[in-house]
Protein backbone atom coordinates (compact mmCIF):
# COMPACT_ATOMS: atom_id res chain seq x y z
CA UNK A 1 20.04 8.49 -1.87
CA UNK A 2 18.11 11.37 -3.87
CA UNK A 3 14.67 12.00 -3.04
CA UNK A 4 13.56 10.03 -6.09
CA UNK A 5 14.72 7.14 -6.38
CA UNK A 6 13.38 7.28 -1.93
CA UNK A 7 10.09 7.72 -3.87
CA UNK A 8 10.90 5.13 -6.53
CA UNK A 9 12.06 2.67 -3.15
CA UNK A 10 8.29 3.88 -1.37
CA UNK A 11 6.55 2.83 -4.94
CA UNK A 12 8.33 -0.45 -4.76
CA UNK A 13 7.70 -1.44 -1.07
CA UNK A 14 3.52 -0.45 -1.60
CA UNK A 15 2.83 -3.34 -3.87
CA UNK A 16 4.19 -5.29 -1.15
CA UNK A 17 2.48 -8.09 0.04
CA UNK A 18 4.02 -6.59 3.33
CA UNK A 19 2.99 -3.55 3.38
CA UNK A 20 0.06 -4.10 2.04
CA UNK A 21 -1.08 -6.29 5.10
CA UNK A 22 0.60 -4.00 7.91
CA UNK A 23 -1.75 -1.07 8.57
CA UNK A 24 1.12 0.92 10.93
CA UNK A 25 3.62 1.18 7.69
CA UNK A 26 0.20 2.30 5.51
CA UNK A 27 -0.87 4.26 7.34
CA UNK A 28 3.26 5.96 7.43
CA UNK A 29 2.52 5.73 3.86
CA UNK A 30 -0.17 7.40 3.44
CA UNK A 31 -1.17 11.14 4.00
CA UNK A 32 -4.01 12.04 6.14
CA UNK A 33 -6.45 13.12 2.98
CA UNK A 34 -4.57 10.36 1.11
CA UNK A 35 -7.16 9.17 -1.88
CA UNK A 36 -6.22 6.79 -4.86
CA UNK A 37 -8.31 6.76 -8.14
CA UNK A 38 -8.08 3.38 -8.73
CA UNK A 39 -7.93 1.05 -12.20
CA UNK A 40 -12.07 -0.46 -10.42
CA UNK A 41 -12.67 3.22 -11.38
CA UNK A 42 -13.50 3.44 -7.20
CA UNK A 43 -11.86 6.11 -5.34
CA UNK A 44 -10.63 4.56 -2.51
CA UNK A 45 -9.14 6.35 0.76
CA UNK A 46 -6.70 6.44 3.26
CA UNK A 47 -9.47 4.67 5.96
CA UNK A 48 -10.52 2.21 3.84
CA UNK A 49 -6.79 1.15 2.19
CA UNK A 50 -6.22 1.04 5.97
CA UNK A 51 -9.59 -0.75 7.08
CA UNK A 52 -8.09 -3.25 4.02
CA UNK A 53 -4.97 -4.10 4.90
CA UNK A 54 -5.42 -8.11 7.27
CA UNK A 55 -7.55 -9.20 3.62
CA UNK A 56 -4.49 -11.24 1.96
CA UNK A 57 -3.25 -10.12 -1.30
CA UNK A 58 -0.29 -11.56 -3.26
CA UNK A 59 -0.84 -9.34 -6.81
CA UNK A 60 2.77 -9.28 -8.85
CA UNK A 61 3.18 -6.30 -9.73
CA UNK A 62 5.55 -5.29 -11.82
CA UNK A 63 6.79 -0.98 -12.68
CA UNK A 64 8.87 0.41 -14.71
CA UNK A 65 9.99 4.04 -16.84
CA UNK A 66 9.56 6.04 -13.37
CA UNK A 67 9.66 9.72 -14.89
CA UNK A 68 9.52 12.56 -11.80
CA UNK A 69 8.91 16.07 -11.91
CA UNK A 70 8.91 18.46 -9.02
CA UNK A 71 6.12 19.64 -8.90
CA UNK A 72 7.57 22.48 -5.81
CA UNK A 73 9.51 21.52 -3.09
CA UNK A 74 8.80 18.85 -0.81
CA UNK A 75 6.02 17.72 -3.38
CA UNK A 76 6.88 14.93 -6.59
CA UNK A 77 4.54 13.41 -9.37
CA UNK A 78 5.91 10.48 -10.47
CA UNK A 79 4.82 8.19 -13.38
CA UNK A 80 5.40 4.91 -14.00
CA UNK A 81 4.37 1.82 -15.44
CA UNK A 82 2.13 -1.45 -14.03
CA UNK A 83 2.05 -5.09 -15.12
CA UNK A 84 -0.28 -7.36 -13.33
CA UNK A 85 -1.56 -10.98 -14.00
CA UNK A 86 -1.64 -9.88 -18.44
CA UNK A 87 -2.85 -6.77 -17.37
CA UNK A 88 -0.84 -3.22 -18.21
CA UNK A 89 -1.80 0.27 -16.30
CA UNK A 90 -0.49 3.65 -16.21
CA UNK A 91 0.55 5.10 -12.78
CA UNK A 92 0.92 8.77 -11.22
CA UNK A 93 1.15 9.25 -7.64
CA UNK A 94 2.08 12.13 -5.81
CA UNK A 95 4.55 12.22 -2.42
CA UNK A 96 5.25 15.06 0.10
CA UNK A 97 7.96 15.17 1.97
CA UNK A 98 5.76 16.23 6.12
CA UNK A 99 8.08 15.62 9.14
CA UNK A 100 11.63 14.28 7.12
CA UNK A 101 9.74 11.87 5.77
CA UNK A 102 7.57 11.00 2.35
CA UNK A 103 3.64 10.56 2.03
CA UNK A 104 1.87 9.19 -0.76
CA UNK A 105 -0.35 12.18 -1.12
CA UNK A 106 -2.42 10.43 -4.17
CA UNK A 107 -2.26 7.75 -6.76
CA UNK A 108 -3.59 6.85 -9.79
CA UNK A 109 -3.83 3.72 -12.02
CA UNK A 110 -5.22 4.35 -15.69
CA UNK A 111 -5.47 0.39 -17.34
CA UNK A 112 -5.11 0.11 -20.39
CA UNK A 113 -6.60 -2.16 -23.17
CA UNK A 114 -5.87 -5.20 -24.19
CA UNK A 115 -6.44 -3.78 -27.53
CA UNK A 116 -3.90 -1.09 -27.13
CA UNK A 117 -1.37 -0.46 -29.28
């Protein structure tokens, strides 16, 4: 499996309700220093994600149109499109390889306004 395929699988795993409610797995997937610029406008760090892992998570996301750019050895930027509950967003993540596994270092979600088009 290519690095790009692995990262796509990890992105899909991160939107899984099972993973979102598993603090141990989230701790493995998110790098120390992780930050997210959320579609809500809030900046979310790793500790915030881990502390909310026990909350009920049942949002179903659809991800598509993945594209990738290797920034340097062991560092990949991924872009994709997301839709859920009638909303749409552009998303991007930076993944870094540490101890021979991929971890998300940064994530951003930008809502696409409903009148877009």
